Amino acid sequence: MRGKYRWVWLTTAVVLLPLSLLGAWLLYTFGQEWLIDPLVARLWAIYLVWEQLPQEILWGILFLIGCVNLLRLFLNVPKWTVTMGTPPLIVGRISHWMVLLASAGQPSFTGKKLLVDLRKLVVNHVAYHTQLTADDVETQMRAGTLPLPLSPTAVELLRPSRTFARTTASLSETISTIQEITTQLEREQ
């Protein structure tokens, strides 16, 4: 080591050696009292409890676990797994509608809000892509002349005078129509 690098190493050694000695002394003095001793005492207590348990109890627990797994094997019960739910395949504004459609069969489903929000989405989407105002698109929606290739039932569903029917046959038809609309909007993006 020559020149200025020798002074860097020498300064580092002079500063770090006393700091490391001080840290080691603090860890030995206070760390033993506050960290090592309580940890060893708890581990020793766990070991003593483990040693005091009769062998019959330990083997009985292992036997019960084996029997439960054997029953699950013979009864074809699926494995114990934790599922966090399925992640959405698409992310964005339109995926929100797909989530609403998935909840359509539940009793708490409100179709009116879904249709109002869907109409707003279609108006914003068409206005953005055709450079028309939202009022012009709403006028086209009322007239049934939207510039989207939709089936007549989808166009009828988007009209503001349309209300959401709650019957089961109509519900499945309405859901498939809404899926058609959201799929068409995804293609247009």
N, C-alpha and C. Protein backbone atom coordinates (compact mmCIF):
# COMPACT_ATOMS: atom_id res chain seq x y z
N MET A 1 0.84 -1.17 0.00
CA MET A 1 0.00 0.00 0.00
C MET A 1 0.89 1.24 0.00
N ARG A 2 0.61 2.09 -0.93
CA ARG A 2 1.44 3.29 -1.05
C ARG A 2 0.60 4.54 -0.92
N GLY A 3 1.21 5.58 -0.48
CA GLY A 3 0.64 6.90 -0.49
C GLY A 3 -0.62 7.06 0.33
N LYS A 4 -1.65 7.64 -0.32
CA LYS A 4 -2.86 8.01 0.40
C LYS A 4 -3.70 6.80 0.81
N TYR A 5 -3.59 5.67 0.09
CA TYR A 5 -4.38 4.49 0.46
C TYR A 5 -3.95 3.92 1.81
N ARG A 6 -2.69 4.08 2.15
CA ARG A 6 -2.21 3.60 3.45
C ARG A 6 -2.88 4.37 4.57
N TRP A 7 -3.11 5.67 4.39
CA TRP A 7 -3.75 6.47 5.42
C TRP A 7 -5.23 6.13 5.55
N VAL A 8 -5.88 5.76 4.45
CA VAL A 8 -7.29 5.36 4.50
C VAL A 8 -7.43 4.09 5.31
N TRP A 9 -6.60 3.10 5.05
CA TRP A 9 -6.66 1.84 5.79
C TRP A 9 -6.29 2.04 7.25
N LEU A 10 -5.30 2.84 7.51
CA LEU A 10 -4.88 3.09 8.88
C LEU A 10 -5.97 3.82 9.66
N THR A 11 -6.61 4.83 9.06
CA THR A 11 -7.69 5.56 9.71
C THR A 11 -8.88 4.65 9.97
N THR A 12 -9.22 3.82 9.00
CA THR A 12 -10.33 2.88 9.15
C THR A 12 -10.05 1.90 10.28
N ALA A 13 -8.85 1.39 10.36
CA ALA A 13 -8.50 0.44 11.41
C ALA A 13 -8.52 1.10 12.78
N VAL A 14 -8.04 2.34 12.88
CA VAL A 14 -8.00 3.04 14.15
C VAL A 14 -9.41 3.37 14.64
N VAL A 15 -10.33 3.66 13.72
CA VAL A 15 -11.70 4.01 14.11
C VAL A 15 -12.54 2.75 14.34
N LEU A 16 -12.46 1.78 13.45
CA LEU A 16 -13.33 0.60 13.53
C LEU A 16 -12.92 -0.37 14.64
N LEU A 17 -11.65 -0.48 14.95
CA LEU A 17 -11.23 -1.41 16.00
C LEU A 17 -11.79 -1.03 17.36
N PRO A 18 -11.71 0.23 17.80
CA PRO A 18 -12.32 0.56 19.09
C PRO A 18 -13.85 0.44 19.06
N LEU A 19 -14.48 0.81 17.93
CA LEU A 19 -15.94 0.67 17.85
C LEU A 19 -16.37 -0.79 17.92
N SER A 20 -15.66 -1.67 17.27
CA SER A 20 -16.02 -3.08 17.32
C SER A 20 -15.76 -3.67 18.71
N LEU A 21 -14.72 -3.22 19.38
CA LEU A 21 -14.47 -3.69 20.74
C LEU A 21 -15.56 -3.20 21.69
N LEU A 22 -16.00 -1.96 21.53
CA LEU A 22 -17.08 -1.42 22.35
C LEU A 22 -18.38 -2.18 22.09
N GLY A 23 -18.68 -2.46 20.80
CA GLY A 23 -19.88 -3.22 20.47
C GLY A 23 -19.85 -4.62 21.03
N ALA A 24 -18.72 -5.28 20.98
CA ALA A 24 -18.61 -6.63 21.53
C ALA A 24 -18.79 -6.62 23.05
N TRP A 25 -18.20 -5.62 23.72
CA TRP A 25 -18.37 -5.55 25.18
C TRP A 25 -19.83 -5.29 25.55
N LEU A 26 -20.52 -4.37 24.82
CA LEU A 26 -21.93 -4.10 25.10
C LEU A 26 -22.80 -5.33 24.85
N LEU A 27 -22.52 -6.06 23.78
CA LEU A 27 -23.29 -7.26 23.50
C LEU A 27 -23.04 -8.33 24.56
N TYR A 28 -21.81 -8.47 24.98
CA TYR A 28 -21.50 -9.47 26.00
C TYR A 28 -22.13 -9.11 27.33
N THR A 29 -22.06 -7.84 27.71
CA THR A 29 -22.55 -7.41 29.01
C THR A 29 -24.07 -7.36 29.06
N PHE A 30 -24.66 -6.58 28.15
CA PHE A 30 -26.10 -6.38 28.21
C PHE A 30 -26.87 -7.40 27.38
N GLY A 31 -26.29 -7.86 26.29
CA GLY A 31 -26.96 -8.83 25.45
C GLY A 31 -27.17 -10.15 26.16
N GLN A 32 -26.21 -10.53 26.99
CA GLN A 32 -26.34 -11.78 27.73
C GLN A 32 -27.49 -11.68 28.73
N GLU A 33 -27.61 -10.53 29.36
CA GLU A 33 -28.65 -10.36 30.37
C GLU A 33 -30.03 -10.18 29.76
N TRP A 34 -30.12 -9.46 28.65
CA TRP A 34 -31.44 -9.12 28.08
C TRP A 34 -31.86 -10.04 26.94
N LEU A 35 -30.91 -10.71 26.30
CA LEU A 35 -31.25 -11.50 25.13
C LEU A 35 -30.94 -12.99 25.34
N ILE A 36 -29.73 -13.31 25.66
CA ILE A 36 -29.31 -14.71 25.71
C ILE A 36 -29.96 -15.45 26.88
N ASP A 37 -29.88 -14.88 28.08
CA ASP A 37 -30.43 -15.58 29.26
C ASP A 37 -31.94 -15.83 29.15
N PRO A 38 -32.78 -14.86 28.77
CA PRO A 38 -34.21 -15.16 28.64
C PRO A 38 -34.51 -16.18 27.54
N LEU A 39 -33.77 -16.12 26.45
CA LEU A 39 -33.99 -17.07 25.37
C LEU A 39 -33.63 -18.49 25.79
N VAL A 40 -32.49 -18.65 26.44
CA VAL A 40 -32.08 -19.98 26.89
C VAL A 40 -33.03 -20.51 27.97
N ALA A 41 -33.51 -19.62 28.85
CA ALA A 41 -34.44 -20.06 29.90
C ALA A 41 -35.75 -20.56 29.28
N ARG A 42 -36.26 -19.88 28.29
CA ARG A 42 -37.51 -20.33 27.64
C ARG A 42 -37.31 -21.63 26.89
N LEU A 43 -36.21 -21.74 26.16
CA LEU A 43 -35.93 -22.99 25.45
C LEU A 43 -35.76 -24.16 26.42
N TRP A 44 -35.13 -23.92 27.55
CA TRP A 44 -34.94 -24.98 28.54
C TRP A 44 -36.29 -25.39 29.14
N ALA A 45 -37.18 -24.44 29.36
CA ALA A 45 -38.51 -24.77 29.89
C ALA A 45 -39.30 -25.60 28.88
N ILE A 46 -39.21 -25.25 27.61
CA ILE A 46 -39.89 -26.04 26.58
C ILE A 46 -39.32 -27.45 26.53
N TYR A 47 -38.02 -27.58 26.64
CA TYR A 47 -37.38 -28.90 26.63
C TYR A 47 -37.84 -29.74 27.82
N LEU A 48 -37.93 -29.11 29.01
CA LEU A 48 -38.36 -29.86 30.20
C LEU A 48 -39.81 -30.32 30.07
N VAL A 49 -40.68 -29.48 29.53
CA VAL A 49 -42.07 -29.89 29.33
C VAL A 49 -42.12 -31.04 28.33
N TRP A 50 -41.35 -30.97 27.27
CA TRP A 50 -41.31 -32.04 26.27
C TRP A 50 -40.84 -33.35 26.89
N GLU A 51 -39.84 -33.27 27.74
CA GLU A 51 -39.31 -34.49 28.37
C GLU A 51 -40.29 -35.09 29.39
N GLN A 52 -41.15 -34.27 29.98
CA GLN A 52 -42.09 -34.75 30.98
C GLN A 52 -43.30 -35.45 30.36
N LEU A 53 -43.56 -35.20 29.06
CA LEU A 53 -44.71 -35.84 28.42
C LEU A 53 -44.47 -37.34 28.30
N PRO A 54 -45.48 -38.15 28.64
CA PRO A 54 -45.31 -39.61 28.48
C PRO A 54 -45.23 -39.98 27.00
N GLN A 55 -44.51 -41.05 26.72
CA GLN A 55 -44.35 -41.53 25.36
C GLN A 55 -45.68 -41.92 24.74
N GLU A 56 -46.60 -42.41 25.57
CA GLU A 56 -47.90 -42.86 25.04
C GLU A 56 -48.67 -41.69 24.43
N ILE A 57 -48.58 -40.51 25.04
CA ILE A 57 -49.29 -39.35 24.50
C ILE A 57 -48.70 -38.94 23.15
N LEU A 58 -47.39 -38.91 23.04
CA LEU A 58 -46.75 -38.53 21.79
C LEU A 58 -47.09 -39.52 20.67
N TRP A 59 -47.00 -40.82 20.98
CA TRP A 59 -47.33 -41.82 19.96
C TRP A 59 -48.82 -41.79 19.64
N GLY A 60 -49.66 -41.49 20.60
CA GLY A 60 -51.10 -41.39 20.36
C GLY A 60 -51.42 -40.24 19.41
N ILE A 61 -50.76 -39.09 19.60
CA ILE A 61 -50.97 -37.95 18.71
C ILE A 61 -50.53 -38.29 17.29
N LEU A 62 -49.37 -38.92 17.16
CA LEU A 62 -48.90 -39.32 15.83
C LEU A 62 -49.85 -40.33 15.19
N PHE A 63 -50.39 -41.27 15.99
CA PHE A 63 -51.33 -42.27 15.47
C PHE A 63 -52.63 -41.60 14.99
N LEU A 64 -53.14 -40.62 15.75
CA LEU A 64 -54.36 -39.91 15.33
C LEU A 64 -54.14 -39.12 14.04
N ILE A 65 -53.00 -38.47 13.91
CA ILE A 65 -52.69 -37.74 12.68
C ILE A 65 -52.64 -38.70 11.49
N GLY A 66 -52.04 -39.86 11.69
CA GLY A 66 -51.99 -40.87 10.63
C GLY A 66 -53.36 -41.38 10.25
N CYS A 67 -54.23 -41.61 11.25
CA CYS A 67 -55.59 -42.09 10.97
C CYS A 67 -56.40 -41.04 10.20
N VAL A 68 -56.27 -39.79 10.58
CA VAL A 68 -57.00 -38.73 9.87
C VAL A 68 -56.54 -38.65 8.42
N ASN A 69 -55.24 -38.73 8.18
CA ASN A 69 -54.74 -38.68 6.81
C ASN A 69 -55.16 -39.91 6.01
N LEU A 70 -55.21 -41.08 6.66
CA LEU A 70 -55.65 -42.30 6.00
C LEU A 70 -57.13 -42.21 5.61
N LEU A 71 -57.97 -41.67 6.50
CA LEU A 71 -59.38 -41.49 6.19
C LEU A 71 -59.57 -40.51 5.03
N ARG A 72 -58.80 -39.44 5.05
CA ARG A 72 -58.91 -38.46 3.97
C ARG A 72 -58.49 -39.09 2.64
N LEU A 73 -57.52 -39.99 2.67
CA LEU A 73 -57.07 -40.66 1.46
C LEU A 73 -58.17 -41.58 0.92
N PHE A 74 -58.80 -42.36 1.81
CA PHE A 74 -59.83 -43.30 1.37
C PHE A 74 -61.12 -42.60 0.96
N LEU A 75 -61.42 -41.45 1.53
CA LEU A 75 -62.65 -40.73 1.20
C LEU A 75 -62.47 -39.74 0.05
N ASN A 76 -61.28 -39.70 -0.53
CA ASN A 76 -60.97 -38.78 -1.64
C ASN A 76 -61.24 -37.32 -1.29
N VAL A 77 -60.89 -36.92 -0.12
CA VAL A 77 -61.03 -35.53 0.29
C VAL A 77 -59.84 -34.77 -0.28
N PRO A 78 -60.07 -33.60 -0.86
CA PRO A 78 -58.95 -32.85 -1.43
C PRO A 78 -57.93 -32.45 -0.36
N LYS A 79 -56.74 -32.15 -0.82
CA LYS A 79 -55.66 -31.78 0.10
C LYS A 79 -56.01 -30.52 0.87
N TRP A 80 -55.39 -30.38 2.03
CA TRP A 80 -55.57 -29.18 2.83
C TRP A 80 -54.73 -28.07 2.19
N THR A 81 -55.39 -27.17 1.53
CA THR A 81 -54.68 -26.06 0.91
C THR A 81 -55.40 -24.77 1.24
N VAL A 82 -54.66 -23.72 1.27
CA VAL A 82 -55.21 -22.40 1.50
C VAL A 82 -55.28 -21.71 0.16
N THR A 83 -56.48 -21.32 -0.24
CA THR A 83 -56.63 -20.62 -1.50
C THR A 83 -56.91 -19.16 -1.22
N MET A 84 -56.25 -18.31 -1.93
CA MET A 84 -56.40 -16.87 -1.74
C MET A 84 -57.37 -16.27 -2.75
N GLY A 85 -58.08 -17.09 -3.48
CA GLY A 85 -58.97 -16.57 -4.51
C GLY A 85 -58.26 -16.51 -5.84
N THR A 86 -59.02 -16.45 -6.88
CA THR A 86 -58.43 -16.40 -8.20
C THR A 86 -58.15 -14.95 -8.58
N PRO A 87 -56.95 -14.68 -9.05
CA PRO A 87 -56.66 -13.31 -9.45
C PRO A 87 -57.40 -12.98 -10.75
N PRO A 88 -57.78 -11.74 -10.94
CA PRO A 88 -58.48 -11.38 -12.17
C PRO A 88 -57.54 -11.53 -13.37
N LEU A 89 -58.10 -12.00 -14.47
CA LEU A 89 -57.30 -12.20 -15.67
C LEU A 89 -56.95 -10.88 -16.35
N ILE A 90 -57.86 -9.92 -16.26
CA ILE A 90 -57.61 -8.63 -16.86
C ILE A 90 -57.73 -7.56 -15.79
N VAL A 91 -57.01 -6.50 -15.97
CA VAL A 91 -57.03 -5.42 -15.00
C VAL A 91 -57.41 -4.14 -15.73
N GLY A 92 -58.31 -3.39 -15.16
CA GLY A 92 -58.72 -2.14 -15.78
C GLY A 92 -60.16 -1.83 -15.47
N ARG A 93 -60.68 -0.83 -16.16
CA ARG A 93 -62.06 -0.41 -15.90
C ARG A 93 -63.06 -1.49 -16.28
N ILE A 94 -62.81 -2.19 -17.37
CA ILE A 94 -63.78 -3.16 -17.86
C ILE A 94 -63.77 -4.42 -16.99
N SER A 95 -62.65 -4.74 -16.37
CA SER A 95 -62.63 -5.92 -15.50
C SER A 95 -63.55 -5.74 -14.30
N HIS A 96 -63.82 -4.50 -13.93
CA HIS A 96 -64.78 -4.23 -12.86
C HIS A 96 -66.15 -4.80 -13.22
N TRP A 97 -66.53 -4.69 -14.48
CA TRP A 97 -67.82 -5.21 -14.92
C TRP A 97 -67.83 -6.72 -14.90
N MET A 98 -66.70 -7.33 -15.20
CA MET A 98 -66.64 -8.79 -15.16
C MET A 98 -66.81 -9.30 -13.73
N VAL A 99 -66.25 -8.57 -12.75
CA VAL A 99 -66.44 -8.93 -11.35
C VAL A 99 -67.90 -8.77 -10.94
N LEU A 100 -68.55 -7.70 -11.40
CA LEU A 100 -69.97 -7.51 -11.11
C LEU A 100 -70.81 -8.62 -11.72
N LEU A 101 -70.43 -9.07 -12.90
CA LEU A 101 -71.17 -10.16 -13.54
C LEU A 101 -71.02 -11.46 -12.77
N ALA A 102 -69.85 -11.67 -12.18
CA ALA A 102 -69.64 -12.89 -11.40
C ALA A 102 -70.52 -12.90 -10.16
N SER A 103 -70.86 -11.73 -9.63
CA SER A 103 -71.72 -11.66 -8.44
C SER A 103 -73.19 -11.55 -8.79
N ALA A 104 -73.55 -11.72 -10.07
CA ALA A 104 -74.93 -11.49 -10.50
C ALA A 104 -75.90 -12.52 -9.94
N GLY A 105 -75.47 -13.72 -9.65
CA GLY A 105 -76.39 -14.73 -9.15
C GLY A 105 -76.65 -14.64 -7.67
N GLN A 106 -75.95 -13.78 -6.97
CA GLN A 106 -76.11 -13.69 -5.52
C GLN A 106 -77.33 -12.85 -5.17
N PRO A 107 -77.93 -13.12 -3.98
CA PRO A 107 -79.14 -12.40 -3.60
C PRO A 107 -78.94 -10.89 -3.45
N SER A 108 -77.74 -10.45 -3.12
CA SER A 108 -77.51 -9.03 -2.90
C SER A 108 -77.22 -8.27 -4.19
N PHE A 109 -77.36 -8.93 -5.33
CA PHE A 109 -77.05 -8.33 -6.62
C PHE A 109 -78.09 -7.27 -6.98
N THR A 110 -77.62 -6.07 -7.33
CA THR A 110 -78.54 -5.01 -7.75
C THR A 110 -78.27 -4.71 -9.21
N GLY A 111 -79.20 -5.10 -10.05
CA GLY A 111 -79.02 -4.96 -11.49
C GLY A 111 -79.17 -3.54 -11.97
N LYS A 112 -79.95 -2.73 -11.27
CA LYS A 112 -80.18 -1.36 -11.71
C LYS A 112 -78.88 -0.57 -11.70
N LYS A 113 -78.11 -0.70 -10.63
CA LYS A 113 -76.83 0.00 -10.54
C LYS A 113 -75.86 -0.50 -11.61
N LEU A 114 -75.89 -1.80 -11.85
CA LEU A 114 -75.02 -2.35 -12.88
C LEU A 114 -75.36 -1.77 -14.25
N LEU A 115 -76.64 -1.67 -14.58
CA LEU A 115 -77.02 -1.13 -15.88
C LEU A 115 -76.69 0.35 -15.99
N VAL A 116 -76.90 1.12 -14.93
CA VAL A 116 -76.58 2.55 -14.97
C VAL A 116 -75.08 2.74 -15.15
N ASP A 117 -74.28 1.98 -14.39
CA ASP A 117 -72.83 2.11 -14.51
C ASP A 117 -72.35 1.62 -15.87
N LEU A 118 -72.97 0.56 -16.38
CA LEU A 118 -72.59 0.05 -17.69
C LEU A 118 -72.91 1.07 -18.78
N ARG A 119 -74.05 1.72 -18.67
CA ARG A 119 -74.39 2.75 -19.65
C ARG A 119 -73.38 3.90 -19.62
N LYS A 120 -72.97 4.30 -18.42
CA LYS A 120 -71.97 5.37 -18.30
C LYS A 120 -70.65 4.94 -18.93
N LEU A 121 -70.27 3.68 -18.70
CA LEU A 121 -69.02 3.18 -19.28
C LEU A 121 -69.09 3.17 -20.80
N VAL A 122 -70.21 2.71 -21.35
CA VAL A 122 -70.35 2.67 -22.80
C VAL A 122 -70.33 4.09 -23.37
N VAL A 123 -71.02 5.02 -22.71
CA VAL A 123 -71.03 6.41 -23.19
C VAL A 123 -69.61 6.98 -23.18
N ASN A 124 -68.88 6.80 -22.10
CA ASN A 124 -67.51 7.33 -22.03
C ASN A 124 -66.61 6.67 -23.07
N HIS A 125 -66.77 5.36 -23.24
CA HIS A 125 -65.93 4.63 -24.19
C HIS A 125 -66.18 5.08 -25.63
N VAL A 126 -67.44 5.14 -26.00
CA VAL A 126 -67.78 5.54 -27.36
C VAL A 126 -67.41 7.01 -27.59
N ALA A 127 -67.65 7.87 -26.61
CA ALA A 127 -67.30 9.29 -26.76
C ALA A 127 -65.80 9.46 -26.93
N TYR A 128 -65.02 8.68 -26.23
CA TYR A 128 -63.56 8.79 -26.34
C TYR A 128 -63.08 8.32 -27.71
N HIS A 129 -63.62 7.20 -28.20
CA HIS A 129 -63.13 6.63 -29.45
C HIS A 129 -63.70 7.31 -30.70
N THR A 130 -64.85 7.96 -30.59
CA THR A 130 -65.44 8.60 -31.77
C THR A 130 -65.31 10.11 -31.74
N GLN A 131 -64.72 10.65 -30.68
CA GLN A 131 -64.53 12.10 -30.53
C GLN A 131 -65.87 12.84 -30.52
N LEU A 132 -66.91 12.20 -30.01
CA LEU A 132 -68.21 12.84 -29.85
C LEU A 132 -68.37 13.27 -28.40
N THR A 133 -69.33 14.13 -28.15
CA THR A 133 -69.61 14.51 -26.76
C THR A 133 -70.45 13.42 -26.11
N ALA A 134 -70.47 13.43 -24.80
CA ALA A 134 -71.24 12.43 -24.08
C ALA A 134 -72.74 12.59 -24.36
N ASP A 135 -73.20 13.82 -24.55
CA ASP A 135 -74.62 14.04 -24.86
C ASP A 135 -74.99 13.45 -26.21
N ASP A 136 -74.10 13.59 -27.21
CA ASP A 136 -74.38 13.00 -28.52
C ASP A 136 -74.45 11.48 -28.44
N VAL A 137 -73.55 10.88 -27.66
CA VAL A 137 -73.56 9.42 -27.53
C VAL A 137 -74.82 8.96 -26.79
N GLU A 138 -75.24 9.71 -25.77
CA GLU A 138 -76.48 9.35 -25.07
C GLU A 138 -77.68 9.46 -26.00
N THR A 139 -77.68 10.44 -26.88
CA THR A 139 -78.77 10.56 -27.87
C THR A 139 -78.76 9.35 -28.81
N GLN A 140 -77.57 8.94 -29.24
CA GLN A 140 -77.46 7.76 -30.09
C GLN A 140 -77.92 6.51 -29.33
N MET A 141 -77.60 6.45 -28.02
CA MET A 141 -77.99 5.30 -27.22
C MET A 141 -79.51 5.23 -27.10
N ARG A 142 -80.15 6.36 -26.89
CA ARG A 142 -81.63 6.39 -26.81
C ARG A 142 -82.27 5.96 -28.13
N ALA A 143 -81.63 6.38 -29.24
CA ALA A 143 -82.16 6.04 -30.56
C ALA A 143 -81.81 4.61 -30.97
N GLY A 144 -80.85 4.01 -30.27
CA GLY A 144 -80.44 2.64 -30.61
C GLY A 144 -79.49 2.57 -31.78
N THR A 145 -78.74 3.63 -32.03
CA THR A 145 -77.81 3.68 -33.17
C THR A 145 -76.37 3.88 -32.70
N LEU A 146 -75.93 3.11 -31.76
CA LEU A 146 -74.54 3.22 -31.30
C LEU A 146 -73.58 2.69 -32.36
N PRO A 147 -72.39 3.28 -32.49
CA PRO A 147 -71.43 2.80 -33.50
C PRO A 147 -70.65 1.58 -33.00
N LEU A 148 -71.31 0.66 -32.33
CA LEU A 148 -70.70 -0.59 -31.88
C LEU A 148 -71.44 -1.75 -32.52
N PRO A 149 -70.73 -2.78 -32.96
CA PRO A 149 -71.42 -3.93 -33.54
C PRO A 149 -72.03 -4.81 -32.45
N LEU A 150 -73.22 -4.44 -31.98
CA LEU A 150 -73.89 -5.17 -30.90
C LEU A 150 -75.17 -5.79 -31.42
N SER A 151 -75.60 -6.84 -30.72
CA SER A 151 -76.86 -7.49 -31.08
C SER A 151 -78.03 -6.58 -30.70
N PRO A 152 -79.20 -6.80 -31.29
CA PRO A 152 -80.36 -5.96 -30.95
C PRO A 152 -80.73 -6.04 -29.47
N THR A 153 -80.54 -7.19 -28.83
CA THR A 153 -80.86 -7.27 -27.40
C THR A 153 -79.90 -6.42 -26.58
N ALA A 154 -78.61 -6.36 -27.00
CA ALA A 154 -77.64 -5.52 -26.29
C ALA A 154 -77.97 -4.05 -26.45
N VAL A 155 -78.36 -3.66 -27.66
CA VAL A 155 -78.72 -2.26 -27.91
C VAL A 155 -79.96 -1.90 -27.08
N GLU A 156 -80.92 -2.82 -27.02
CA GLU A 156 -82.13 -2.58 -26.24
C GLU A 156 -81.82 -2.47 -24.75
N LEU A 157 -80.88 -3.29 -24.28
CA LEU A 157 -80.50 -3.26 -22.86
C LEU A 157 -79.84 -1.94 -22.49
N LEU A 158 -79.12 -1.33 -23.42
CA LEU A 158 -78.41 -0.08 -23.12
C LEU A 158 -79.31 1.15 -23.17
N ARG A 159 -80.51 1.02 -23.65
CA ARG A 159 -81.41 2.18 -23.69
C ARG A 159 -81.77 2.61 -22.27
N PRO A 160 -81.74 3.91 -21.97
CA PRO A 160 -81.99 4.38 -20.60
C PRO A 160 -83.38 4.05 -20.07
N SER A 161 -84.35 3.80 -20.95
CA SER A 161 -85.69 3.49 -20.46
C SER A 161 -85.81 2.04 -20.00
N ARG A 162 -84.81 1.23 -20.29
CA ARG A 162 -84.83 -0.19 -19.94
C ARG A 162 -84.61 -0.36 -18.45
N THR A 163 -85.41 -1.20 -17.80
CA THR A 163 -85.23 -1.54 -16.39
C THR A 163 -84.74 -2.97 -16.28
N PHE A 164 -84.14 -3.27 -15.18
CA PHE A 164 -83.55 -4.59 -14.98
C PHE A 164 -84.61 -5.55 -14.47
N ALA A 165 -84.81 -6.63 -15.20
CA ALA A 165 -85.80 -7.64 -14.78
C ALA A 165 -85.15 -8.63 -13.83
N ARG A 166 -85.90 -9.13 -12.87
CA ARG A 166 -85.34 -9.98 -11.83
C ARG A 166 -85.67 -11.47 -12.03
N THR A 167 -86.36 -11.85 -13.08
CA THR A 167 -86.69 -13.25 -13.27
C THR A 167 -85.43 -14.02 -13.66
N THR A 168 -85.45 -15.33 -13.40
CA THR A 168 -84.25 -16.13 -13.62
C THR A 168 -83.91 -16.25 -15.10
N ALA A 169 -84.90 -16.50 -15.95
CA ALA A 169 -84.63 -16.61 -17.38
C ALA A 169 -84.12 -15.29 -17.92
N SER A 170 -84.75 -14.21 -17.53
CA SER A 170 -84.33 -12.90 -17.99
C SER A 170 -82.97 -12.53 -17.40
N LEU A 171 -82.70 -12.99 -16.19
CA LEU A 171 -81.41 -12.69 -15.56
C LEU A 171 -80.28 -13.32 -16.34
N SER A 172 -80.41 -14.58 -16.71
CA SER A 172 -79.33 -15.23 -17.46
C SER A 172 -79.17 -14.60 -18.84
N GLU A 173 -80.29 -14.22 -19.47
CA GLU A 173 -80.22 -13.56 -20.78
C GLU A 173 -79.56 -12.19 -20.65
N THR A 174 -79.92 -11.46 -19.59
CA THR A 174 -79.34 -10.13 -19.37
C THR A 174 -77.84 -10.23 -19.09
N ILE A 175 -77.45 -11.22 -18.30
CA ILE A 175 -76.03 -11.39 -17.98
C ILE A 175 -75.24 -11.72 -19.24
N SER A 176 -75.77 -12.59 -20.09
CA SER A 176 -75.05 -12.92 -21.32
C SER A 176 -74.98 -11.70 -22.24
N THR A 177 -76.01 -10.86 -22.24
CA THR A 177 -75.98 -9.65 -23.06
C THR A 177 -74.93 -8.67 -22.52
N ILE A 178 -74.87 -8.52 -21.21
CA ILE A 178 -73.86 -7.63 -20.61
C ILE A 178 -72.46 -8.15 -20.90
N GLN A 179 -72.29 -9.46 -20.86
CA GLN A 179 -70.98 -10.04 -21.20
C GLN A 179 -70.62 -9.75 -22.66
N GLU A 180 -71.61 -9.78 -23.53
CA GLU A 180 -71.36 -9.44 -24.93
C GLU A 180 -70.89 -7.99 -25.06
N ILE A 181 -71.54 -7.09 -24.32
CA ILE A 181 -71.16 -5.67 -24.37
C ILE A 181 -69.76 -5.46 -23.85
N THR A 182 -69.42 -6.05 -22.72
CA THR A 182 -68.08 -5.86 -22.14
C THR A 182 -67.01 -6.48 -23.03
N THR A 183 -67.32 -7.62 -23.66
CA THR A 183 -66.35 -8.22 -24.58
C THR A 183 -66.11 -7.31 -25.78
N GLN A 184 -67.18 -6.71 -26.30
CA GLN A 184 -67.04 -5.80 -27.44
C GLN A 184 -66.21 -4.56 -27.04
N LEU A 185 -66.43 -4.05 -25.83
CA LEU A 185 -65.65 -2.90 -25.37
C LEU A 185 -64.18 -3.26 -25.20
N GLU A 186 -63.90 -4.48 -24.76
CA GLU A 186 -62.50 -4.91 -24.62
C GLU A 186 -61.83 -4.97 -25.97
N ARG A 187 -62.54 -5.43 -26.98
CA ARG A 187 -61.95 -5.51 -28.32
C ARG A 187 -61.66 -4.13 -28.88
N GLU A 188 -62.49 -3.15 -28.53
CA GLU A 188 -62.36 -1.80 -29.06
C GLU A 188 -61.22 -1.03 -28.40
N GLN A 189 -60.73 -1.48 -27.24
CA GLN A 189 -59.71 -0.72 -26.52
C GLN A 189 -58.42 -0.65 -27.26
